[in-house]
Protein backbone atom coordinates (compact mmCIF):
# COMPACT_ATOMS: atom_id res chain seq x y z
CA MET A 1 54.64 84.48 94.91
CA SER A 2 51.07 84.35 93.61
CA PHE A 3 48.94 81.24 93.72
CA ALA A 4 46.35 79.99 91.31
CA PRO A 5 42.99 79.19 92.87
CA GLY A 6 41.35 75.81 92.76
CA THR A 7 41.22 72.41 94.36
CA THR A 8 43.53 70.79 91.81
CA PHE A 9 46.20 73.42 92.44
CA ARG A 10 45.96 72.82 96.17
CA LYS A 11 46.37 69.07 95.64
CA HIS A 12 49.42 69.65 93.46
CA MET A 13 50.87 72.04 96.03
CA ASP A 14 50.38 69.45 98.78
CA ILE A 15 52.20 66.84 96.65
CA ALA A 16 55.06 69.29 95.97
CA LYS A 17 55.39 70.19 99.64
CA GLY A 18 55.41 66.52 100.58
CA LEU A 19 58.07 65.75 97.99
CA LEU A 20 60.25 68.65 99.07
CA SER A 21 60.01 67.53 102.70
CA GLU A 22 61.99 64.41 101.80
CA ASP A 23 65.72 64.08 102.52
CA ASP A 24 67.85 66.20 100.15
CA HIS A 25 70.22 63.29 99.45
CA LEU A 26 67.31 61.09 98.35
CA LEU A 27 65.87 63.81 96.11
CA ALA A 28 69.28 64.45 94.57
CA GLU A 29 69.76 60.76 93.80
CA ILE A 30 66.35 60.64 92.10
CA VAL A 31 67.08 63.74 90.01
CA PHE A 32 70.64 62.69 89.14
CA ASN A 33 69.54 59.59 87.24
CA PRO A 34 70.82 59.39 83.64
CA TYR A 35 67.39 60.03 82.07
CA THR A 36 66.68 63.33 83.82
CA PRO A 37 68.57 65.73 81.48
CA ARG A 38 66.70 64.51 78.38
CA GLN A 39 63.36 64.62 80.22
CA ILE A 40 64.05 68.20 81.37
CA GLU A 41 64.91 69.17 77.80
CA GLU A 42 61.68 67.63 76.54
CA ILE A 43 59.65 69.45 79.22
CA GLY A 44 61.33 72.74 78.20
CA SER A 45 60.51 72.09 74.58
CA GLN A 46 56.87 71.37 75.34
CA LEU A 47 56.61 74.47 77.54
CA ALA A 48 58.02 76.63 74.73
CA TYR A 49 55.52 75.06 72.33
CA ILE A 50 52.50 75.65 74.54
CA THR A 51 53.71 79.20 75.30
CA HIS A 52 53.72 79.84 71.53
CA ILE A 53 50.18 78.43 71.25
CA ILE A 54 48.92 80.60 74.09
CA ARG A 55 50.54 83.77 72.82
CA ASP A 56 49.04 83.22 69.35
CA ARG A 57 45.72 82.13 70.84
CA ASP A 58 45.80 79.32 68.29
CA TYR A 59 42.73 77.24 69.09
CA ASP A 60 43.43 74.59 66.42
CA GLU A 61 46.99 74.03 67.65
CA MET A 62 45.80 73.93 71.26
CA GLN A 63 43.25 71.28 70.33
CA LYS A 64 46.03 69.19 68.71
CA PHE A 65 48.20 69.63 71.80
CA LEU A 66 45.41 68.60 74.18
CA ASN A 67 44.53 65.59 72.03
CA LYS A 68 48.16 64.51 72.09
CA LEU A 69 48.17 64.76 75.90
CA ARG A 70 45.01 62.71 76.08
CA ARG A 71 46.52 60.00 73.85
CA ASN A 72 49.66 59.94 76.02
CA ILE A 73 47.74 59.17 79.19
CA GLU A 74 45.41 56.51 77.76
């Protein structure tokens, strides 16, 4: 497995390791909630969309995508 450099990546990795150190039963109960399948589908859709943007090197579409992300976290 290769790792991306950077402080932010390390912080995210620490969070992931902490989460995965929790009890498997607890993690399963969290993931098995009724909203998870739709959220996973939406994440997959957004990943496919950004993959398309990256492959096409479409700056305008990337700018729209990033602006949408910014609006979502305001």
